[in-house]
């Protein structure tokens, strides 16, 4: 009976050792996966940031163009009003 108890104890020790090894391996694998995910997230964040910067640049450019168009439109409207008044003056003279 003593021999069987010793064998059981040895098996328990071996199982505990294998469980610890498996846990250490699983932890290492999980850490590697987490690092890979972190790298992918960081890469994606950089891409999104670059896209956002490009979009802000485009927005600024479009706003400037819009401001110029609005300004020119006001000038053209003013010119049209003056020209319309001038045409009316010429019509009255004739």
PDB file of N, CA and C in Angstrom:
ATOM      1  N   UNK A   1       0.803  -1.185   0.000  1.00  0.00           N
ATOM      2  CA  UNK A   1       0.000   0.000   0.000  1.00  0.00           C
ATOM      3  C   UNK A   1       0.858   1.266   0.000  1.00  0.00           C
ATOM      4  N   UNK A   2       1.965   1.214   0.695  1.00  0.00           N
ATOM      5  CA  UNK A   2       2.868   2.357   0.788  1.00  0.00           C
ATOM      6  C   UNK A   2       3.433   2.714  -0.576  1.00  0.00           C
ATOM      7  N   UNK A   3       3.740   1.700  -1.366  1.00  0.00           N
ATOM      8  CA  UNK A   3       4.273   1.934  -2.708  1.00  0.00           C
ATOM      9  C   UNK A   3       3.231   2.650  -3.572  1.00  0.00           C
ATOM     10  N   UNK A   4       1.985   2.232  -3.467  1.00  0.00           N
ATOM     11  CA  UNK A   4       0.899   2.844  -4.236  1.00  0.00           C
ATOM     12  C   UNK A   4       0.706   4.301  -3.816  1.00  0.00           C
ATOM     13  N   UNK A   5       0.783   4.607  -2.537  1.00  0.00           N
ATOM     14  CA  UNK A   5       0.638   5.961  -2.016  1.00  0.00           C
ATOM     15  C   UNK A   5       1.772   6.846  -2.527  1.00  0.00           C
ATOM     16  N   UNK A   6       2.999   6.283  -2.556  1.00  0.00           N
ATOM     17  CA  UNK A   6       4.144   7.023  -3.064  1.00  0.00           C
ATOM     18  C   UNK A   6       3.986   7.322  -4.557  1.00  0.00           C
ATOM     19  N   UNK A   7       3.490   6.360  -5.297  1.00  0.00           N
ATOM     20  CA  UNK A   7       3.277   6.549  -6.734  1.00  0.00           C
ATOM     21  C   UNK A   7       2.211   7.621  -6.981  1.00  0.00           C
ATOM     22  N   UNK A   8       1.167   7.591  -6.170  1.00  0.00           N
ATOM     23  CA  UNK A   8       0.096   8.574  -6.289  1.00  0.00           C
ATOM     24  C   UNK A   8       0.638   9.967  -5.994  1.00  0.00           C
ATOM     25  N   UNK A   9       1.460  10.046  -4.963  1.00  0.00           N
ATOM     26  CA  UNK A   9       2.057  11.339  -4.605  1.00  0.00           C
ATOM     27  C   UNK A   9       2.968  11.827  -5.728  1.00  0.00           C
ATOM     28  N   UNK A  10       3.750  10.931  -6.308  1.00  0.00           N
ATOM     29  CA  UNK A  10       4.630  11.295  -7.428  1.00  0.00           C
ATOM     30  C   UNK A  10       3.814  11.763  -8.631  1.00  0.00           C
ATOM     31  N   UNK A  11       2.706  11.078  -8.871  1.00  0.00           N
ATOM     32  CA  UNK A  11       1.827  11.468  -9.990  1.00  0.00           C
ATOM     33  C   UNK A  11       1.227  12.843  -9.728  1.00  0.00           C
ATOM     34  N   UNK A  12       0.806  13.090  -8.481  1.00  0.00           N
ATOM     35  CA  UNK A  12       0.261  14.411  -8.115  1.00  0.00           C
ATOM     36  C   UNK A  12       1.294  15.509  -8.327  1.00  0.00           C
ATOM     37  N   UNK A  13       2.525  15.227  -7.923  1.00  0.00           N
ATOM     38  CA  UNK A  13       3.603  16.204  -8.085  1.00  0.00           C
ATOM     39  C   UNK A  13       3.843  16.465  -9.566  1.00  0.00           C
ATOM     40  N   UNK A  14       3.859  15.399 -10.358  1.00  0.00           N
ATOM     41  CA  UNK A  14       4.071  15.536 -11.804  1.00  0.00           C
ATOM     42  C   UNK A  14       2.929  16.324 -12.447  1.00  0.00           C
ATOM     43  N   UNK A  15       1.699  16.044 -12.027  1.00  0.00           N
ATOM     44  CA  UNK A  15       0.544  16.782 -12.563  1.00  0.00           C
ATOM     45  C   UNK A  15       0.607  18.268 -12.207  1.00  0.00           C
ATOM     46  N   UNK A  16       0.946  18.549 -10.972  1.00  0.00           N
ATOM     47  CA  UNK A  16       1.058  19.949 -10.549  1.00  0.00           C
ATOM     48  C   UNK A  16       2.141  20.668 -11.338  1.00  0.00           C
ATOM     49  N   UNK A  17       3.250  19.958 -11.583  1.00  0.00           N
ATOM     50  CA  UNK A  17       4.343  20.530 -12.367  1.00  0.00           C
ATOM     51  C   UNK A  17       3.875  20.819 -13.799  1.00  0.00           C
ATOM     52  N   UNK A  18       3.153  19.870 -14.399  1.00  0.00           N
ATOM     53  CA  UNK A  18       2.655  20.066 -15.755  1.00  0.00           C
ATOM     54  C   UNK A  18       1.616  21.189 -15.811  1.00  0.00           C
ATOM     55  N   UNK A  19       0.796  21.276 -14.776  1.00  0.00           N
ATOM     56  CA  UNK A  19      -0.202  22.354 -14.726  1.00  0.00           C
ATOM     57  C   UNK A  19       0.494  23.705 -14.657  1.00  0.00           C
ATOM     58  N   UNK A  20       1.546  23.815 -13.837  1.00  0.00           N
ATOM     59  CA  UNK A  20       2.304  25.068 -13.745  1.00  0.00           C
ATOM     60  C   UNK A  20       2.960  25.411 -15.078  1.00  0.00           C
ATOM     61  N   UNK A  21       3.526  24.401 -15.736  1.00  0.00           N
ATOM     62  CA  UNK A  21       4.153  24.626 -17.037  1.00  0.00           C
ATOM     63  C   UNK A  21       3.117  25.076 -18.066  1.00  0.00           C
ATOM     64  N   UNK A  22       1.955  24.425 -18.036  1.00  0.00           N
ATOM     65  CA  UNK A  22       0.890  24.799 -18.969  1.00  0.00           C
ATOM     66  C   UNK A  22       0.400  26.220 -18.696  1.00  0.00           C
ATOM     67  N   UNK A  23       0.276  26.559 -17.425  1.00  0.00           N
ATOM     68  CA  UNK A  23      -0.172  27.898 -17.067  1.00  0.00           C
ATOM     69  C   UNK A  23       0.852  28.941 -17.513  1.00  0.00           C
ATOM     70  N   UNK A  24       2.143  28.637 -17.319  1.00  0.00           N
ATOM     71  CA  UNK A  24       3.195  29.572 -17.730  1.00  0.00           C
ATOM     72  C   UNK A  24       3.187  29.723 -19.249  1.00  0.00           C
ATOM     73  N   UNK A  25       3.021  28.601 -19.964  1.00  0.00           N
ATOM     74  CA  UNK A  25       2.970  28.645 -21.430  1.00  0.00           C
ATOM     75  C   UNK A  25       1.759  29.457 -21.899  1.00  0.00           C
ATOM     76  N   UNK A  26       0.600  29.214 -21.281  1.00  0.00           N
ATOM     77  CA  UNK A  26      -0.624  29.930 -21.657  1.00  0.00           C
ATOM     78  C   UNK A  26      -0.476  31.425 -21.385  1.00  0.00           C
ATOM     79  N   UNK A  27       0.144  31.753 -20.269  1.00  0.00           N
ATOM     80  CA  UNK A  27       0.362  33.166 -19.934  1.00  0.00           C
ATOM     81  C   UNK A  27       1.273  33.818 -20.962  1.00  0.00           C
ATOM     82  N   UNK A  28       2.339  33.126 -21.326  1.00  0.00           N
ATOM     83  CA  UNK A  28       3.277  33.663 -22.312  1.00  0.00           C
ATOM     84  C   UNK A  28       2.591  33.850 -23.672  1.00  0.00           C
ATOM     85  N   UNK A  29       1.808  32.860 -24.075  1.00  0.00           N
ATOM     86  CA  UNK A  29       1.066  32.958 -25.339  1.00  0.00           C
ATOM     87  C   UNK A  29       0.096  34.135 -25.307  1.00  0.00           C
ATOM     88  N   UNK A  30      -0.616  34.289 -24.199  1.00  0.00           N
ATOM     89  CA  UNK A  30      -1.580  35.387 -24.069  1.00  0.00           C
ATOM     90  C   UNK A  30      -0.874  36.740 -24.135  1.00  0.00           C
ATOM     91  N   UNK A  31       0.275  36.848 -23.474  1.00  0.00           N
ATOM     92  CA  UNK A  31       1.037  38.096 -23.506  1.00  0.00           C
ATOM     93  C   UNK A  31       1.508  38.422 -24.916  1.00  0.00           C
ATOM     94  N   UNK A  32       1.946  37.397 -25.650  1.00  0.00           N
ATOM     95  CA  UNK A  32       2.380  37.616 -27.033  1.00  0.00           C
ATOM     96  C   UNK A  32       1.208  38.072 -27.908  1.00  0.00           C
ATOM     97  N   UNK A  33       0.053  37.449 -27.697  1.00  0.00           N
ATOM     98  CA  UNK A  33      -1.128  37.851 -28.462  1.00  0.00           C
ATOM     99  C   UNK A  33      -1.533  39.281 -28.128  1.00  0.00           C
ATOM    100  N   UNK A  34      -1.471  39.618 -26.851  1.00  0.00           N
ATOM    101  CA  UNK A  34      -1.815  40.981 -26.427  1.00  0.00           C
ATOM    102  C   UNK A  34      -0.852  41.987 -27.052  1.00  0.00           C
ATOM    103  N   UNK A  35       0.431  41.664 -27.075  1.00  0.00           N
ATOM    104  CA  UNK A  35       1.413  42.562 -27.691  1.00  0.00           C
ATOM    105  C   UNK A  35       1.121  42.734 -29.176  1.00  0.00           C
ATOM    106  N   UNK A  36       0.779  41.637 -29.847  1.00  0.00           N
ATOM    107  CA  UNK A  36       0.465  41.723 -31.281  1.00  0.00           C
ATOM    108  C   UNK A  36      -0.773  42.592 -31.496  1.00  0.00           C
ATOM    109  N   UNK A  37      -1.776  42.423 -30.647  1.00  0.00           N
ATOM    110  CA  UNK A  37      -2.997  43.238 -30.757  1.00  0.00           C
ATOM    111  C   UNK A  37      -2.678  44.704 -30.490  1.00  0.00           C
ATOM    112  N   UNK A  38      -1.851  44.962 -29.477  1.00  0.00           N
ATOM    113  CA  UNK A  38      -1.463  46.343 -29.167  1.00  0.00           C
ATOM    114  C   UNK A  38      -0.748  46.985 -30.357  1.00  0.00           C
ATOM    115  N   UNK A  39       0.152  46.230 -30.999  1.00  0.00           N
ATOM    116  CA  UNK A  39       0.863  46.763 -32.163  1.00  0.00           C
ATOM    117  C   UNK A  39      -0.119  47.081 -33.283  1.00  0.00           C
ATOM    118  N   UNK A  40      -1.076  46.194 -33.505  1.00  0.00           N
ATOM    119  CA  UNK A  40      -2.067  46.402 -34.559  1.00  0.00           C
ATOM    120  C   UNK A  40      -2.934  47.624 -34.252  1.00  0.00           C
ATOM    121  N   UNK A  41      -3.326  47.768 -33.000  1.00  0.00           N
ATOM    122  CA  UNK A  41      -4.128  48.932 -32.593  1.00  0.00           C
ATOM    123  C   UNK A  41      -3.327  50.214 -32.774  1.00  0.00           C
ATOM    124  N   UNK A  42      -2.068  50.181 -32.371  1.00  0.00           N
ATOM    125  CA  UNK A  42      -1.205  51.364 -32.512  1.00  0.00           C
ATOM    126  C   UNK A  42      -1.060  51.737 -33.992  1.00  0.00           C
ATOM    127  N   UNK A  43      -0.840  50.733 -34.828  1.00  0.00           N
ATOM    128  CA  UNK A  43      -0.706  50.970 -36.267  1.00  0.00           C
ATOM    129  C   UNK A  43      -1.988  51.572 -36.833  1.00  0.00           C
ATOM    130  N   UNK A  44      -3.126  51.012 -36.434  1.00  0.00           N
ATOM    131  CA  UNK A  44      -4.423  51.505 -36.921  1.00  0.00           C
ATOM    132  C   UNK A  44      -4.664  52.941 -36.423  1.00  0.00           C
ATOM    133  N   UNK A  45      -4.302  53.224 -35.177  1.00  0.00           N
ATOM    134  CA  UNK A  45      -4.452  54.583 -34.645  1.00  0.00           C
ATOM    135  C   UNK A  45      -3.609  55.583 -35.432  1.00  0.00           C
ATOM    136  N   UNK A  46      -2.391  55.198 -35.793  1.00  0.00           N
ATOM    137  CA  UNK A  46      -1.539  56.085 -36.590  1.00  0.00           C
ATOM    138  C   UNK A  46      -2.166  56.347 -37.958  1.00  0.00           C
ATOM    139  N   UNK A  47      -2.706  55.292 -38.573  1.00  0.00           N
ATOM    140  CA  UNK A  47      -3.355  55.466 -39.873  1.00  0.00           C
ATOM    141  C   UNK A  47      -4.560  56.394 -39.764  1.00  0.00           C
ATOM    142  N   UNK A  48      -5.373  56.179 -38.734  1.00  0.00           N
ATOM    143  CA  UNK A  48      -6.557  57.021 -38.544  1.00  0.00           C
ATOM    144  C   UNK A  48      -6.166  58.466 -38.250  1.00  0.00           C
ATOM    145  N   UNK A  49      -5.096  58.640 -37.467  1.00  0.00           N
ATOM    146  CA  UNK A  49      -4.623  59.983 -37.165  1.00  0.00           C
ATOM    147  C   UNK A  49      -4.149  60.685 -38.431  1.00  0.00           C
ATOM    148  N   UNK A  50      -3.401  59.957 -39.267  1.00  0.00           N
ATOM    149  CA  UNK A  50      -2.939  60.535 -40.530  1.00  0.00           C
ATOM    150  C   UNK A  50      -4.123  60.904 -41.422  1.00  0.00           C
ATOM    151  N   UNK A  51      -5.124  60.021 -41.461  1.00  0.00           N
ATOM    152  CA  UNK A  51      -6.325  60.317 -42.243  1.00  0.00           C
ATOM    153  C   UNK A  51      -7.028  61.566 -41.711  1.00  0.00           C
ATOM    154  N   UNK A  52      -7.114  61.665 -40.389  1.00  0.00           N
ATOM    155  CA  UNK A  52      -7.783  62.818 -39.774  1.00  0.00           C
ATOM    156  C   UNK A  52      -7.035  64.114 -40.101  1.00  0.00           C
ATOM    157  N   UNK A  53      -5.714  64.068 -40.039  1.00  0.00           N
ATOM    158  CA  UNK A  53      -4.917  65.258 -40.363  1.00  0.00           C
ATOM    159  C   UNK A  53      -5.156  65.663 -41.814  1.00  0.00           C
ATOM    160  N   UNK A  54      -5.167  64.671 -42.695  1.00  0.00           N
ATOM    161  CA  UNK A  54      -5.430  64.956 -44.109  1.00  0.00           C
ATOM    162  C   UNK A  54      -6.803  65.547 -44.327  1.00  0.00           C
ATOM    163  N   UNK A  55      -7.785  65.023 -43.590  1.00  0.00           N
ATOM    164  CA  UNK A  55      -9.140  65.551 -43.722  1.00  0.00           C
ATOM    165  C   UNK A  55      -9.233  66.976 -43.190  1.00  0.00           C
ATOM    166  N   UNK A  56      -8.557  67.265 -42.078  1.00  0.00           N
ATOM    167  CA  UNK A  56      -8.568  68.632 -41.544  1.00  0.00           C
ATOM    168  C   UNK A  56      -7.909  69.590 -42.536  1.00  0.00           C
ATOM    169  N   UNK A  57      -6.850  69.128 -43.178  1.00  0.00           N
ATOM    170  CA  UNK A  57      -6.188  69.947 -44.196  1.00  0.00           C
ATOM    171  C   UNK A  57      -7.157  70.232 -45.335  1.00  0.00           C
ATOM    172  N   UNK A  58      -7.855  69.196 -45.809  1.00  0.00           N
ATOM    173  CA  UNK A  58      -8.822  69.371 -46.895  1.00  0.00           C
ATOM    174  C   UNK A  58      -9.955  70.302 -46.470  1.00  0.00           C
ATOM    175  N   UNK A  59     -10.430  70.148 -45.243  1.00  0.00           N
ATOM    176  CA  UNK A  59     -11.505  71.017 -44.742  1.00  0.00           C
ATOM    177  C   UNK A  59     -11.042  72.471 -44.746  1.00  0.00           C
ATOM    178  N   UNK A  60      -9.824  72.715 -44.268  1.00  0.00           N
ATOM    179  CA  UNK A  60      -9.285  74.078 -44.252  1.00  0.00           C
ATOM    180  C   UNK A  60      -9.182  74.642 -45.655  1.00  0.00           C
ATOM    181  N   UNK A  61      -8.713  73.808 -46.571  1.00  0.00           N
ATOM    182  CA  UNK A  61      -8.574  74.235 -47.958  1.00  0.00           C
ATOM    183  C   UNK A  61      -9.946  74.573 -48.556  1.00  0.00           C
ATOM    184  N   UNK A  62     -10.920  73.725 -48.329  1.00  0.00           N
ATOM    185  CA  UNK A  62     -12.274  73.954 -48.845  1.00  0.00           C
ATOM    186  C   UNK A  62     -12.896  75.193 -48.212  1.00  0.00           C
ATOM    187  N   UNK A  63     -12.660  75.393 -46.905  1.00  0.00           N
ATOM    188  CA  UNK A  63     -13.192  76.592 -46.249  1.00  0.00           C
ATOM    189  C   UNK A  63     -12.601  77.854 -46.878  1.00  0.00           C
ATOM    190  N   UNK A  64     -11.300  77.837 -47.137  1.00  0.00           N
ATOM    191  CA  UNK A  64     -10.659  78.995 -47.761  1.00  0.00           C
ATOM    192  C   UNK A  64     -11.252  79.267 -49.137  1.00  0.00           C
ATOM    193  N   UNK A  65     -11.438  78.194 -49.912  1.00  0.00           N
ATOM    194  CA  UNK A  65     -12.042  78.360 -51.238  1.00  0.00           C
ATOM    195  C   UNK A  65     -13.460  78.906 -51.124  1.00  0.00           C
ATOM    196  N   UNK A  66     -14.198  78.389 -50.165  1.00  0.00           N
ATOM    197  CA  UNK A  66     -15.573  78.858 -49.956  1.00  0.00           C
ATOM    198  C   UNK A  66     -15.589  80.339 -49.568  1.00  0.00           C
ATOM    199  N   UNK A  67     -14.686  80.714 -48.675  1.00  0.00           N
ATOM    200  CA  UNK A  67     -14.620  82.125 -48.269  1.00  0.00           C
ATOM    201  C   UNK A  67     -14.324  83.026 -49.474  1.00  0.00           C
ATOM    202  N   UNK A  68     -13.409  82.586 -50.330  1.00  0.00           N
ATOM    203  CA  UNK A  68     -13.090  83.362 -51.532  1.00  0.00           C
ATOM    204  C   UNK A  68     -14.302  83.478 -52.447  1.00  0.00           C
ATOM    205  N   UNK A  69     -15.009  82.356 -52.606  1.00  0.00           N
ATOM    206  CA  UNK A  69     -16.194  82.374 -53.466  1.00  0.00           C
ATOM    207  C   UNK A  69     -17.280  83.293 -52.911  1.00  0.00           C
ATOM    208  N   UNK A  70     -17.482  83.251 -51.612  1.00  0.00           N
ATOM    209  CA  UNK A  70     -18.482  84.120 -50.981  1.00  0.00           C
ATOM    210  C   UNK A  70     -18.087  85.583 -51.180  1.00  0.00           C
ATOM    211  N   UNK A  71     -16.799  85.878 -50.973  1.00  0.00           N
ATOM    212  CA  UNK A  71     -16.316  87.251 -51.146  1.00  0.00           C
ATOM    213  C   UNK A  71     -16.499  87.708 -52.594  1.00  0.00           C
ATOM    214  N   UNK A  72     -16.086  86.861 -53.547  1.00  0.00           N
ATOM    215  CA  UNK A  72     -16.251  87.213 -54.961  1.00  0.00           C
ATOM    216  C   UNK A  72     -17.725  87.370 -55.325  1.00  0.00           C
ATOM    217  N   UNK A  73     -18.556  86.515 -54.773  1.00  0.00           N
ATOM    218  CA  UNK A  73     -19.989  86.593 -55.045  1.00  0.00           C
ATOM    219  C   UNK A  73     -20.554  87.943 -54.588  1.00  0.00           C
ATOM    220  N   UNK A  74     -20.143  88.414 -53.420  1.00  0.00           N
ATOM    221  CA  UNK A  74     -20.598  89.716 -52.926  1.00  0.00           C
ATOM    222  C   UNK A  74     -20.132  90.835 -53.860  1.00  0.00           C
ATOM    223  N   UNK A  75     -18.869  90.715 -54.288  1.00  0.00           N
ATOM    224  CA  UNK A  75     -18.326  91.731 -55.205  1.00  0.00           C
ATOM    225  C   UNK A  75     -19.113  91.741 -56.505  1.00  0.00           C
ATOM    226  N   UNK A  76     -19.377  90.547 -57.054  1.00  0.00           N
ATOM    227  CA  UNK A  76     -20.106  90.460 -58.321  1.00  0.00           C
ATOM    228  C   UNK A  76     -21.531  90.980 -58.175  1.00  0.00           C
ATOM    229  N   UNK A  77     -22.157  90.690 -57.048  1.00  0.00           N
ATOM    230  CA  UNK A  77     -23.508  91.199 -56.822  1.00  0.00           C
ATOM    231  C   UNK A  77     -23.488  92.737 -56.756  1.00  0.00           C
ATOM    232  N   UNK A  78     -22.501  93.262 -56.081  1.00  0.00           N
ATOM    233  CA  UNK A  78     -22.361  94.721 -55.973  1.00  0.00           C
ATOM    234  C   UNK A  78     -22.157  95.328 -57.359  1.00  0.00           C
ATOM    235  N   UNK A  79     -21.262  94.707 -58.134  1.00  0.00           N
ATOM    236  CA  UNK A  79     -21.026  95.176 -59.504  1.00  0.00           C
ATOM    237  C   UNK A  79     -22.306  95.110 -60.332  1.00  0.00           C
ATOM    238  N   UNK A  80     -23.078  94.039 -60.188  1.00  0.00           N
ATOM    239  CA  UNK A  80     -24.329  93.901 -60.940  1.00  0.00           C
ATOM    240  C   UNK A  80     -25.317  95.007 -60.566  1.00  0.00           C
ATOM    241  N   UNK A  81     -25.363  95.314 -59.264  1.00  0.00           N
ATOM    242  CA  UNK A  81     -26.263  96.392 -58.835  1.00  0.00           C
ATOM    243  C   UNK A  81     -25.831  97.718 -59.448  1.00  0.00           C
ATOM    244  N   UNK A  82     -24.517  97.980 -59.422  1.00  0.00           N
ATOM    245  CA  UNK A  82     -24.018  99.224 -60.007  1.00  0.00           C
ATOM    246  C   UNK A  82     -24.288  99.268 -61.503  1.00  0.00           C
ATOM    247  N   UNK A  83     -24.035  98.134 -62.165  1.00  0.00           N
ATOM    248  CA  UNK A  83     -24.293  98.076 -63.602  1.00  0.00           C
ATOM    249  C   UNK A  83     -25.777  98.248 -63.908  1.00  0.00           C
ATOM    250  N   UNK A  84     -26.626  97.668 -63.066  1.00  0.00           N
ATOM    251  CA  UNK A  84     -28.064  97.820 -63.272  1.00  0.00           C
ATOM    252  C   UNK A  84     -28.466  99.291 -63.126  1.00  0.00           C
ATOM    253  N   UNK A  85     -27.874  99.967 -62.150  1.00  0.00           N
ATOM    254  CA  UNK A  85     -28.169 101.396 -61.969  1.00  0.00           C
ATOM    255  C   UNK A  85     -27.670 102.191 -63.168  1.00  0.00           C
ATOM    256  N   UNK A  86     -26.497 101.822 -63.657  1.00  0.00           N
ATOM    257  CA  UNK A  86     -25.943 102.512 -64.820  1.00  0.00           C
ATOM    258  C   UNK A  86     -26.832 102.289 -66.034  1.00  0.00           C
ATOM    259  N   UNK A  87     -27.310 101.085 -66.224  1.00  0.00           N
ATOM    260  CA  UNK A  87     -28.203 100.785 -67.342  1.00  0.00           C
ATOM    261  C   UNK A  87     -29.489 101.612 -67.213  1.00  0.00           C
ATOM    262  N   UNK A  88     -30.014 101.711 -66.013  1.00  0.00           N
ATOM    263  CA  UNK A  88     -31.228 102.511 -65.800  1.00  0.00           C
ATOM    264  C   UNK A  88     -30.964 103.981 -66.136  1.00  0.00           C
ATOM    265  N   UNK A  89     -29.801 104.471 -65.748  1.00  0.00           N
ATOM    266  CA  UNK A  89     -29.427 105.864 -66.043  1.00  0.00           C
ATOM    267  C   UNK A  89     -29.397 106.071 -67.561  1.00  0.00           C
ATOM    268  N   UNK A  90     -28.760 105.144 -68.274  1.00  0.00           N
ATOM    269  CA  UNK A  90     -28.679 105.263 -69.739  1.00  0.00           C
ATOM    270  C   UNK A  90     -30.077 105.188 -70.365  1.00  0.00           C
ATOM    271  N   UNK A  91     -30.916 104.326 -69.820  1.00  0.00           N
ATOM    272  CA  UNK A  91     -32.277 104.215 -70.338  1.00  0.00           C
ATOM    273  C   UNK A  91     -33.055 105.505 -70.126  1.00  0.00           C
ATOM    274  N   UNK A  92     -32.852 106.137 -68.979  1.00  0.00           N
ATOM    275  CA  UNK A  92     -33.550 107.396 -68.710  1.00  0.00           C
ATOM    276  C   UNK A  92     -33.062 108.478 -69.641  1.00  0.00           C
ATOM    277  N   UNK A  93     -31.755 108.481 -69.931  1.00  0.00           N
ATOM    278  CA  UNK A  93     -31.203 109.510 -70.798  1.00  0.00           C
ATOM    279  C   UNK A  93     -31.730 109.348 -72.220  1.00  0.00           C
ATOM    280  N   UNK A  94     -31.944 108.120 -72.609  1.00  0.00           N
ATOM    281  CA  UNK A  94     -32.421 107.923 -73.984  1.00  0.00           C
ATOM    282  C   UNK A  94     -33.890 108.166 -73.984  1.00  0.00           C
TER     283      UNK A  94
END
